[in-house]
Amino acid sequence: MSSEKIIKERFVFASFFFIRRMFKNLIFLMKKKRIIAILFCLLLIWVDQLTKYLFYDLEIWSQIFFLEPLLNDGISRWMDMPMVIIFCVSVICIWIFVYLFHRKYLTTIDFALLLSWTVWNLIDRIWLGGVRDFLSFGSFPVFNIADAFLTCGIVRICIKEIFHLQNQKKNLP
């Protein structure tokens, strides 16, 4: 064997163990709860993007009465808002969600629901100039799956707070 080949094999071998050790340390540092939150968030993002692709981009089942593909360049009920303000508010929300999750105020599910909505609606706004909405029910504004994730996350937090306050009142002397 030539010396170059031996050096190359040793380098590959050492690199493999270095990368393996690095990932072991990374996984050790990341708590199981955070890994689950990230995986759940990625799953929700995938569901959101899949539904936007199917019902907005491809307009599959567009004849169904509650599917109305629209590009929303504003905020709720089509109110105009400068993109800079929307971007700043989204970044602040992401920071708040991460902070609250780190402080153990948000559960894994709440964190994933809130973060997936914020991240992918922000990315849609940056890439497309607006959010792809497609669900329409009567006079309610057109929305998408990510908006439903946000609503579910907020409802879960409100319910948790209501029950927490009720339990505190019961425990008072």
N, C-alpha and C. Protein backbone atom coordinates (compact mmCIF):
# COMPACT_ATOMS: atom_id res chain seq x y z
N MET A 1 0.83 -1.18 0.00
CA MET A 1 0.00 0.00 0.00
C MET A 1 0.87 1.24 0.00
N SER A 2 0.45 2.23 -0.77
CA SER A 2 1.23 3.45 -0.81
C SER A 2 0.94 4.29 0.45
N SER A 3 1.88 5.14 0.76
CA SER A 3 1.74 5.96 1.96
C SER A 3 0.58 6.94 1.85
N GLU A 4 0.30 7.41 0.62
CA GLU A 4 -0.82 8.33 0.42
C GLU A 4 -2.15 7.63 0.73
N LYS A 5 -2.27 6.40 0.31
CA LYS A 5 -3.51 5.64 0.54
C LYS A 5 -3.69 5.36 2.03
N ILE A 6 -2.61 5.05 2.72
CA ILE A 6 -2.68 4.80 4.16
C ILE A 6 -3.08 6.07 4.90
N ILE A 7 -2.49 7.19 4.52
CA ILE A 7 -2.84 8.47 5.14
C ILE A 7 -4.30 8.80 4.89
N LYS A 8 -4.76 8.55 3.66
CA LYS A 8 -6.15 8.83 3.33
C LYS A 8 -7.09 7.95 4.15
N GLU A 9 -6.78 6.67 4.28
CA GLU A 9 -7.62 5.76 5.06
C GLU A 9 -7.66 6.18 6.53
N ARG A 10 -6.49 6.57 7.06
CA ARG A 10 -6.46 7.02 8.45
C ARG A 10 -7.26 8.30 8.64
N PHE A 11 -7.16 9.17 7.67
CA PHE A 11 -7.92 10.42 7.74
C PHE A 11 -9.42 10.14 7.73
N VAL A 12 -9.87 9.27 6.82
CA VAL A 12 -11.29 8.91 6.76
C VAL A 12 -11.73 8.26 8.06
N PHE A 13 -10.91 7.36 8.58
CA PHE A 13 -11.20 6.66 9.83
C PHE A 13 -11.31 7.65 10.98
N ALA A 14 -10.35 8.57 11.09
CA ALA A 14 -10.36 9.58 12.15
C ALA A 14 -11.54 10.53 11.99
N SER A 15 -11.85 10.90 10.76
CA SER A 15 -12.98 11.79 10.50
C SER A 15 -14.29 11.14 10.92
N PHE A 16 -14.42 9.85 10.59
CA PHE A 16 -15.63 9.12 10.96
C PHE A 16 -15.83 9.14 12.47
N PHE A 17 -14.77 8.86 13.23
CA PHE A 17 -14.90 8.84 14.69
C PHE A 17 -15.10 10.23 15.27
N PHE A 18 -14.48 11.22 14.64
CA PHE A 18 -14.68 12.59 15.10
C PHE A 18 -16.15 13.01 14.91
N ILE A 19 -16.70 12.73 13.72
CA ILE A 19 -18.10 13.08 13.43
C ILE A 19 -19.03 12.29 14.34
N ARG A 20 -18.74 11.03 14.55
CA ARG A 20 -19.56 10.20 15.43
C ARG A 20 -19.56 10.76 16.86
N ARG A 21 -18.39 11.14 17.35
CA ARG A 21 -18.27 11.70 18.69
C ARG A 21 -19.01 13.03 18.78
N MET A 22 -18.89 13.84 17.73
CA MET A 22 -19.55 15.13 17.70
C MET A 22 -21.07 14.95 17.79
N PHE A 23 -21.63 14.02 17.02
CA PHE A 23 -23.07 13.78 17.06
C PHE A 23 -23.51 13.21 18.40
N LYS A 24 -22.70 12.34 18.99
CA LYS A 24 -23.04 11.82 20.32
C LYS A 24 -23.12 12.95 21.33
N ASN A 25 -22.15 13.86 21.28
CA ASN A 25 -22.16 15.00 22.20
C ASN A 25 -23.36 15.91 21.93
N LEU A 26 -23.67 16.12 20.66
CA LEU A 26 -24.79 16.97 20.30
C LEU A 26 -26.10 16.37 20.80
N ILE A 27 -26.28 15.09 20.59
CA ILE A 27 -27.50 14.43 21.04
C ILE A 27 -27.57 14.43 22.56
N PHE A 28 -26.43 14.24 23.21
CA PHE A 28 -26.43 14.29 24.68
C PHE A 28 -26.83 15.67 25.18
N LEU A 29 -26.36 16.71 24.49
CA LEU A 29 -26.70 18.07 24.90
C LEU A 29 -28.16 18.42 24.63
N MET A 30 -28.67 17.89 23.53
CA MET A 30 -30.08 18.14 23.21
C MET A 30 -30.92 17.16 24.01
N LYS A 31 -31.76 17.69 24.82
CA LYS A 31 -32.60 16.82 25.62
C LYS A 31 -33.64 16.16 24.72
N LYS A 32 -34.13 15.04 25.19
CA LYS A 32 -35.09 14.27 24.42
C LYS A 32 -36.32 15.11 24.07
N LYS A 33 -36.75 15.95 24.99
CA LYS A 33 -37.92 16.78 24.77
C LYS A 33 -37.70 17.74 23.61
N ARG A 34 -36.52 18.30 23.51
CA ARG A 34 -36.23 19.23 22.41
C ARG A 34 -36.19 18.51 21.08
N ILE A 35 -35.65 17.31 21.06
CA ILE A 35 -35.61 16.54 19.82
C ILE A 35 -37.02 16.22 19.37
N ILE A 36 -37.87 15.81 20.30
CA ILE A 36 -39.26 15.51 19.97
C ILE A 36 -39.96 16.76 19.46
N ALA A 37 -39.71 17.90 20.07
CA ALA A 37 -40.33 19.16 19.64
C ALA A 37 -39.90 19.50 18.22
N ILE A 38 -38.63 19.35 17.94
CA ILE A 38 -38.13 19.65 16.59
C ILE A 38 -38.74 18.70 15.57
N LEU A 39 -38.78 17.41 15.88
CA LEU A 39 -39.36 16.44 14.96
C LEU A 39 -40.85 16.70 14.74
N PHE A 40 -41.58 17.01 15.81
CA PHE A 40 -43.01 17.30 15.69
C PHE A 40 -43.22 18.57 14.87
N CYS A 41 -42.38 19.57 15.09
CA CYS A 41 -42.47 20.81 14.33
C CYS A 41 -42.22 20.55 12.85
N LEU A 42 -41.22 19.74 12.55
CA LEU A 42 -40.93 19.40 11.15
C LEU A 42 -42.10 18.64 10.52
N LEU A 43 -42.74 17.76 11.28
CA LEU A 43 -43.91 17.05 10.77
C LEU A 43 -45.04 18.02 10.45
N LEU A 44 -45.30 18.97 11.34
CA LEU A 44 -46.36 19.95 11.11
C LEU A 44 -46.03 20.84 9.91
N ILE A 45 -44.77 21.21 9.78
CA ILE A 45 -44.36 22.02 8.64
C ILE A 45 -44.56 21.24 7.34
N TRP A 46 -44.23 19.95 7.36
CA TRP A 46 -44.42 19.12 6.18
C TRP A 46 -45.91 19.04 5.82
N VAL A 47 -46.78 18.83 6.81
CA VAL A 47 -48.22 18.76 6.56
C VAL A 47 -48.71 20.09 5.97
N ASP A 48 -48.26 21.20 6.55
CA ASP A 48 -48.67 22.51 6.05
C ASP A 48 -48.23 22.71 4.61
N GLN A 49 -46.97 22.41 4.32
CA GLN A 49 -46.47 22.61 2.96
C GLN A 49 -47.12 21.66 1.96
N LEU A 50 -47.39 20.44 2.38
CA LEU A 50 -48.07 19.48 1.50
C LEU A 50 -49.48 19.98 1.16
N THR A 51 -50.22 20.45 2.16
CA THR A 51 -51.58 20.93 1.88
C THR A 51 -51.55 22.19 1.02
N LYS A 52 -50.60 23.08 1.25
CA LYS A 52 -50.49 24.27 0.41
C LYS A 52 -50.16 23.88 -1.02
N TYR A 53 -49.29 22.92 -1.19
CA TYR A 53 -48.92 22.47 -2.54
C TYR A 53 -50.12 21.82 -3.24
N LEU A 54 -50.82 20.94 -2.53
CA LEU A 54 -51.93 20.22 -3.15
C LEU A 54 -53.12 21.14 -3.45
N PHE A 55 -53.52 21.94 -2.47
CA PHE A 55 -54.77 22.69 -2.60
C PHE A 55 -54.58 24.09 -3.16
N TYR A 56 -53.38 24.65 -3.05
CA TYR A 56 -53.16 25.99 -3.61
C TYR A 56 -52.44 25.89 -4.95
N ASP A 57 -51.28 25.24 -4.96
CA ASP A 57 -50.48 25.19 -6.19
C ASP A 57 -51.12 24.31 -7.26
N LEU A 58 -51.50 23.09 -6.92
CA LEU A 58 -52.09 22.17 -7.89
C LEU A 58 -53.59 22.33 -8.03
N GLU A 59 -54.21 23.00 -7.07
CA GLU A 59 -55.65 23.20 -7.02
C GLU A 59 -56.42 21.88 -7.15
N ILE A 60 -55.91 20.86 -6.45
CA ILE A 60 -56.61 19.59 -6.40
C ILE A 60 -57.91 19.79 -5.64
N TRP A 61 -58.97 19.22 -6.11
CA TRP A 61 -60.30 19.31 -5.51
C TRP A 61 -60.78 20.75 -5.41
N SER A 62 -60.43 21.58 -6.38
CA SER A 62 -60.84 22.98 -6.33
C SER A 62 -62.35 23.15 -6.48
N GLN A 63 -63.05 22.12 -6.92
CA GLN A 63 -64.50 22.22 -7.05
C GLN A 63 -65.21 22.07 -5.69
N ILE A 64 -64.49 21.66 -4.65
CA ILE A 64 -65.09 21.55 -3.32
C ILE A 64 -65.35 22.96 -2.79
N PHE A 65 -66.52 23.17 -2.22
CA PHE A 65 -66.98 24.51 -1.87
C PHE A 65 -66.09 25.25 -0.87
N PHE A 66 -65.36 24.57 0.00
CA PHE A 66 -64.58 25.27 1.02
C PHE A 66 -63.11 25.46 0.63
N LEU A 67 -62.74 25.09 -0.60
CA LEU A 67 -61.37 25.31 -1.06
C LEU A 67 -61.35 26.49 -2.03
N GLU A 68 -60.72 27.56 -1.60
CA GLU A 68 -60.64 28.77 -2.40
C GLU A 68 -59.20 29.30 -2.35
N PRO A 69 -58.35 28.86 -3.28
CA PRO A 69 -56.93 29.27 -3.23
C PRO A 69 -56.74 30.77 -3.47
N LEU A 70 -56.07 31.42 -2.51
CA LEU A 70 -55.79 32.85 -2.60
C LEU A 70 -54.40 33.12 -2.03
N LEU A 71 -53.73 34.12 -2.58
CA LEU A 71 -52.45 34.56 -2.02
C LEU A 71 -52.72 35.78 -1.17
N ASN A 72 -52.58 35.63 0.14
CA ASN A 72 -52.86 36.71 1.09
C ASN A 72 -51.58 37.50 1.32
N ASP A 73 -51.52 38.70 0.78
CA ASP A 73 -50.32 39.53 0.96
C ASP A 73 -50.43 40.46 2.17
N GLY A 74 -51.54 40.39 2.88
CA GLY A 74 -51.72 41.18 4.09
C GLY A 74 -51.73 40.28 5.31
N ILE A 75 -52.44 40.74 6.33
CA ILE A 75 -52.62 39.90 7.51
C ILE A 75 -54.10 39.55 7.59
N SER A 76 -54.59 39.18 8.72
CA SER A 76 -55.97 38.70 8.86
C SER A 76 -56.97 39.63 8.20
N ARG A 77 -57.91 39.04 7.51
CA ARG A 77 -58.96 39.76 6.78
C ARG A 77 -58.38 40.74 5.77
N TRP A 78 -57.24 40.38 5.19
CA TRP A 78 -56.61 41.11 4.10
C TRP A 78 -56.22 42.53 4.46
N MET A 79 -55.93 42.80 5.72
CA MET A 79 -55.48 44.13 6.11
C MET A 79 -54.04 44.31 5.64
N ASP A 80 -53.79 45.42 4.98
CA ASP A 80 -52.44 45.69 4.48
C ASP A 80 -51.52 46.03 5.64
N MET A 81 -50.32 45.49 5.56
CA MET A 81 -49.30 45.73 6.58
C MET A 81 -47.95 45.67 5.86
N PRO A 82 -47.06 46.63 6.11
CA PRO A 82 -45.74 46.58 5.47
C PRO A 82 -45.00 45.28 5.83
N MET A 83 -44.31 44.72 4.86
CA MET A 83 -43.60 43.45 5.04
C MET A 83 -42.57 43.55 6.16
N VAL A 84 -41.96 44.71 6.35
CA VAL A 84 -40.97 44.88 7.41
C VAL A 84 -41.59 44.65 8.78
N ILE A 85 -42.78 45.17 8.99
CA ILE A 85 -43.46 45.00 10.28
C ILE A 85 -43.83 43.54 10.48
N ILE A 86 -44.37 42.90 9.44
CA ILE A 86 -44.74 41.48 9.54
C ILE A 86 -43.51 40.64 9.85
N PHE A 87 -42.39 40.93 9.19
CA PHE A 87 -41.15 40.19 9.42
C PHE A 87 -40.67 40.38 10.87
N CYS A 88 -40.66 41.61 11.34
CA CYS A 88 -40.20 41.89 12.71
C CYS A 88 -41.09 41.20 13.74
N VAL A 89 -42.40 41.26 13.56
CA VAL A 89 -43.32 40.62 14.49
C VAL A 89 -43.11 39.11 14.48
N SER A 90 -42.92 38.53 13.30
CA SER A 90 -42.70 37.08 13.20
C SER A 90 -41.41 36.66 13.91
N VAL A 91 -40.35 37.41 13.72
CA VAL A 91 -39.08 37.08 14.38
C VAL A 91 -39.21 37.22 15.90
N ILE A 92 -39.90 38.25 16.35
CA ILE A 92 -40.12 38.42 17.79
C ILE A 92 -40.95 37.26 18.34
N CYS A 93 -41.97 36.84 17.60
CA CYS A 93 -42.79 35.70 18.03
C CYS A 93 -41.96 34.43 18.13
N ILE A 94 -41.11 34.19 17.14
CA ILE A 94 -40.25 33.00 17.18
C ILE A 94 -39.38 33.04 18.43
N TRP A 95 -38.78 34.19 18.71
CA TRP A 95 -37.92 34.32 19.88
C TRP A 95 -38.72 34.07 21.16
N ILE A 96 -39.93 34.63 21.24
CA ILE A 96 -40.77 34.43 22.43
C ILE A 96 -41.13 32.96 22.60
N PHE A 97 -41.51 32.29 21.51
CA PHE A 97 -41.88 30.87 21.61
C PHE A 97 -40.71 30.02 22.08
N VAL A 98 -39.52 30.29 21.54
CA VAL A 98 -38.33 29.54 21.97
C VAL A 98 -38.02 29.81 23.43
N TYR A 99 -38.11 31.07 23.83
CA TYR A 99 -37.85 31.44 25.23
C TYR A 99 -38.84 30.74 26.17
N LEU A 100 -40.13 30.79 25.83
CA LEU A 100 -41.14 30.17 26.69
C LEU A 100 -40.98 28.65 26.75
N PHE A 101 -40.60 28.05 25.64
CA PHE A 101 -40.37 26.61 25.64
C PHE A 101 -39.14 26.26 26.49
N HIS A 102 -38.10 27.07 26.35
CA HIS A 102 -36.89 26.84 27.14
C HIS A 102 -37.17 26.99 28.64
N ARG A 103 -38.05 27.92 29.00
CA ARG A 103 -38.42 28.13 30.41
C ARG A 103 -39.48 27.14 30.89
N LYS A 104 -39.85 26.20 30.00
CA LYS A 104 -40.82 25.13 30.31
C LYS A 104 -42.23 25.66 30.55
N TYR A 105 -42.55 26.81 29.97
CA TYR A 105 -43.91 27.32 30.04
C TYR A 105 -44.78 26.67 28.96
N LEU A 106 -44.19 26.45 27.79
CA LEU A 106 -44.90 25.80 26.70
C LEU A 106 -44.60 24.31 26.68
N THR A 107 -45.62 23.52 26.41
CA THR A 107 -45.39 22.09 26.22
C THR A 107 -44.79 21.86 24.83
N THR A 108 -44.33 20.67 24.60
CA THR A 108 -43.74 20.33 23.30
C THR A 108 -44.75 20.54 22.18
N ILE A 109 -45.98 20.11 22.42
CA ILE A 109 -47.01 20.24 21.38
C ILE A 109 -47.33 21.71 21.12
N ASP A 110 -47.50 22.49 22.18
CA ASP A 110 -47.79 23.92 22.01
C ASP A 110 -46.67 24.61 21.24
N PHE A 111 -45.44 24.32 21.62
CA PHE A 111 -44.28 24.91 20.97
C PHE A 111 -44.26 24.57 19.48
N ALA A 112 -44.46 23.31 19.16
CA ALA A 112 -44.42 22.89 17.75
C ALA A 112 -45.55 23.53 16.96
N LEU A 113 -46.75 23.61 17.54
CA LEU A 113 -47.87 24.23 16.84
C LEU A 113 -47.60 25.71 16.55
N LEU A 114 -47.11 26.44 17.54
CA LEU A 114 -46.87 27.87 17.36
C LEU A 114 -45.68 28.14 16.44
N LEU A 115 -44.61 27.39 16.62
CA LEU A 115 -43.41 27.63 15.83
C LEU A 115 -43.61 27.26 14.36
N SER A 116 -44.28 26.15 14.09
CA SER A 116 -44.47 25.75 12.69
C SER A 116 -45.30 26.79 11.94
N TRP A 117 -46.31 27.35 12.61
CA TRP A 117 -47.11 28.39 11.96
C TRP A 117 -46.24 29.60 11.64
N THR A 118 -45.52 30.06 12.61
CA THR A 118 -44.74 31.29 12.44
C THR A 118 -43.67 31.14 11.37
N VAL A 119 -42.94 30.05 11.42
CA VAL A 119 -41.82 29.87 10.50
C VAL A 119 -42.30 29.76 9.06
N TRP A 120 -43.30 28.90 8.80
CA TRP A 120 -43.65 28.68 7.40
C TRP A 120 -44.51 29.78 6.81
N ASN A 121 -45.31 30.45 7.59
CA ASN A 121 -46.00 31.61 7.03
C ASN A 121 -44.99 32.72 6.73
N LEU A 122 -43.96 32.86 7.57
CA LEU A 122 -42.91 33.84 7.30
C LEU A 122 -42.14 33.49 6.04
N ILE A 123 -41.81 32.23 5.89
CA ILE A 123 -41.08 31.80 4.69
C ILE A 123 -41.94 32.00 3.43
N ASP A 124 -43.23 31.69 3.52
CA ASP A 124 -44.13 31.95 2.38
C ASP A 124 -44.13 33.44 2.02
N ARG A 125 -44.16 34.29 3.03
CA ARG A 125 -44.17 35.73 2.77
C ARG A 125 -42.87 36.17 2.09
N ILE A 126 -41.74 35.61 2.52
CA ILE A 126 -40.46 36.00 1.93
C ILE A 126 -40.36 35.48 0.50
N TRP A 127 -40.69 34.20 0.27
CA TRP A 127 -40.55 33.60 -1.06
C TRP A 127 -41.60 34.08 -2.05
N LEU A 128 -42.84 34.18 -1.60
CA LEU A 128 -43.95 34.43 -2.52
C LEU A 128 -44.56 35.82 -2.40
N GLY A 129 -44.17 36.56 -1.37
CA GLY A 129 -44.76 37.88 -1.16
C GLY A 129 -46.10 37.84 -0.44
N GLY A 130 -46.50 36.67 0.00
CA GLY A 130 -47.75 36.50 0.72
C GLY A 130 -47.90 35.06 1.17
N VAL A 131 -48.99 34.78 1.87
CA VAL A 131 -49.24 33.44 2.40
C VAL A 131 -50.28 32.76 1.53
N ARG A 132 -50.02 31.49 1.21
CA ARG A 132 -50.97 30.71 0.41
C ARG A 132 -52.10 30.22 1.32
N ASP A 133 -53.28 30.80 1.16
CA ASP A 133 -54.46 30.39 1.92
C ASP A 133 -55.41 29.67 0.97
N PHE A 134 -56.18 28.74 1.51
CA PHE A 134 -57.08 27.99 0.63
C PHE A 134 -58.36 27.50 1.30
N LEU A 135 -58.49 27.58 2.61
CA LEU A 135 -59.69 27.11 3.29
C LEU A 135 -60.64 28.27 3.53
N SER A 136 -61.88 28.14 3.07
CA SER A 136 -62.86 29.21 3.19
C SER A 136 -64.17 28.65 3.72
N PHE A 137 -64.62 29.18 4.85
CA PHE A 137 -65.88 28.76 5.46
C PHE A 137 -66.75 29.98 5.70
N GLY A 138 -67.70 30.23 4.83
CA GLY A 138 -68.64 31.33 4.99
C GLY A 138 -67.96 32.69 5.00
N SER A 139 -68.32 33.52 5.97
CA SER A 139 -67.76 34.88 6.04
C SER A 139 -66.43 34.91 6.79
N PHE A 140 -65.99 33.75 7.29
CA PHE A 140 -64.70 33.68 8.00
C PHE A 140 -63.58 33.89 6.99
N PRO A 141 -62.49 34.59 7.36
CA PRO A 141 -61.40 34.83 6.40
C PRO A 141 -60.79 33.52 5.91
N VAL A 142 -60.30 33.55 4.69
CA VAL A 142 -59.63 32.40 4.11
C VAL A 142 -58.35 32.14 4.90
N PHE A 143 -58.07 30.88 5.19
CA PHE A 143 -56.90 30.54 6.00
C PHE A 143 -56.28 29.25 5.49
N ASN A 144 -55.19 28.81 6.15
CA ASN A 144 -54.51 27.57 5.76
C ASN A 144 -54.29 26.71 7.00
N ILE A 145 -53.66 25.57 6.80
CA ILE A 145 -53.44 24.62 7.90
C ILE A 145 -52.55 25.23 8.99
N ALA A 146 -51.55 26.00 8.59
CA ALA A 146 -50.66 26.62 9.58
C ALA A 146 -51.44 27.57 10.50
N ASP A 147 -52.42 28.28 9.95
CA ASP A 147 -53.25 29.14 10.79
C ASP A 147 -54.06 28.31 11.79
N ALA A 148 -54.50 27.13 11.35
CA ALA A 148 -55.22 26.23 12.26
C ALA A 148 -54.28 25.73 13.36
N PHE A 149 -53.01 25.48 13.02
CA PHE A 149 -52.03 25.07 14.04
C PHE A 149 -51.88 26.17 15.09
N LEU A 150 -51.78 27.40 14.65
CA LEU A 150 -51.65 28.53 15.58
C LEU A 150 -52.86 28.60 16.50
N THR A 151 -54.05 28.49 15.93
CA THR A 151 -55.27 28.56 16.73
C THR A 151 -55.30 27.44 17.76
N CYS A 152 -54.95 26.23 17.35
CA CYS A 152 -54.94 25.09 18.28
C CYS A 152 -53.93 25.34 19.41
N GLY A 153 -52.76 25.86 19.08
CA GLY A 153 -51.75 26.14 20.10
C GLY A 153 -52.23 27.18 21.10
N ILE A 154 -52.85 28.25 20.62
CA ILE A 154 -53.34 29.30 21.51
C ILE A 154 -54.49 28.79 22.38
N VAL A 155 -55.39 28.02 21.79
CA VAL A 155 -56.51 27.45 22.57
C VAL A 155 -55.97 26.53 23.66
N ARG A 156 -54.98 25.70 23.33
CA ARG A 156 -54.38 24.81 24.34
C ARG A 156 -53.77 25.61 25.48
N ILE A 157 -53.07 26.68 25.17
CA ILE A 157 -52.45 27.51 26.21
C ILE A 157 -53.52 28.18 27.07
N CYS A 158 -54.57 28.70 26.45
CA CYS A 158 -55.65 29.34 27.21
C CYS A 158 -56.34 28.35 28.14
N ILE A 159 -56.63 27.16 27.65
CA ILE A 159 -57.27 26.14 28.49
C ILE A 159 -56.37 25.78 29.66
N LYS A 160 -55.08 25.62 29.37
CA LYS A 160 -54.13 25.29 30.44
C LYS A 160 -54.10 26.38 31.50
N GLU A 161 -54.12 27.64 31.07
CA GLU A 161 -54.11 28.75 32.02
C GLU A 161 -55.39 28.82 32.84
N ILE A 162 -56.53 28.58 32.20
CA ILE A 162 -57.81 28.63 32.92
C ILE A 162 -57.83 27.56 34.01
N PHE A 163 -57.44 26.34 33.66
CA PHE A 163 -57.44 25.26 34.65
C PHE A 163 -56.40 25.50 35.73
N HIS A 164 -55.28 26.10 35.36
CA HIS A 164 -54.24 26.41 36.34
C HIS A 164 -54.76 27.43 37.35
N LEU A 165 -55.45 28.46 36.87
CA LEU A 165 -56.01 29.47 37.77
C LEU A 165 -57.10 28.87 38.66
N GLN A 166 -57.92 27.99 38.10
CA GLN A 166 -58.96 27.36 38.91
C GLN A 166 -58.35 26.50 40.01
N ASN A 167 -57.29 25.78 39.68
CA ASN A 167 -56.62 24.94 40.69
C ASN A 167 -55.97 25.79 41.79
N GLN A 168 -55.44 26.96 41.40
CA GLN A 168 -54.85 27.85 42.40
C GLN A 168 -55.93 28.39 43.34
N LYS A 169 -57.10 28.73 42.83
CA LYS A 169 -58.19 29.23 43.66
C LYS A 169 -58.67 28.15 44.62
N LYS A 170 -58.70 26.90 44.19
CA LYS A 170 -59.14 25.81 45.06
C LYS A 170 -58.16 25.58 46.21
N ASN A 171 -56.89 25.84 45.96
CA ASN A 171 -55.86 25.59 46.97
C ASN A 171 -55.67 26.75 47.94
N LEU A 172 -56.36 27.86 47.72
CA LEU A 172 -56.24 29.00 48.65
C LEU A 172 -56.97 28.68 49.95
N PRO A 173 -56.42 29.18 51.11
CA PRO A 173 -57.07 28.89 52.40
C PRO A 173 -58.38 29.65 52.58
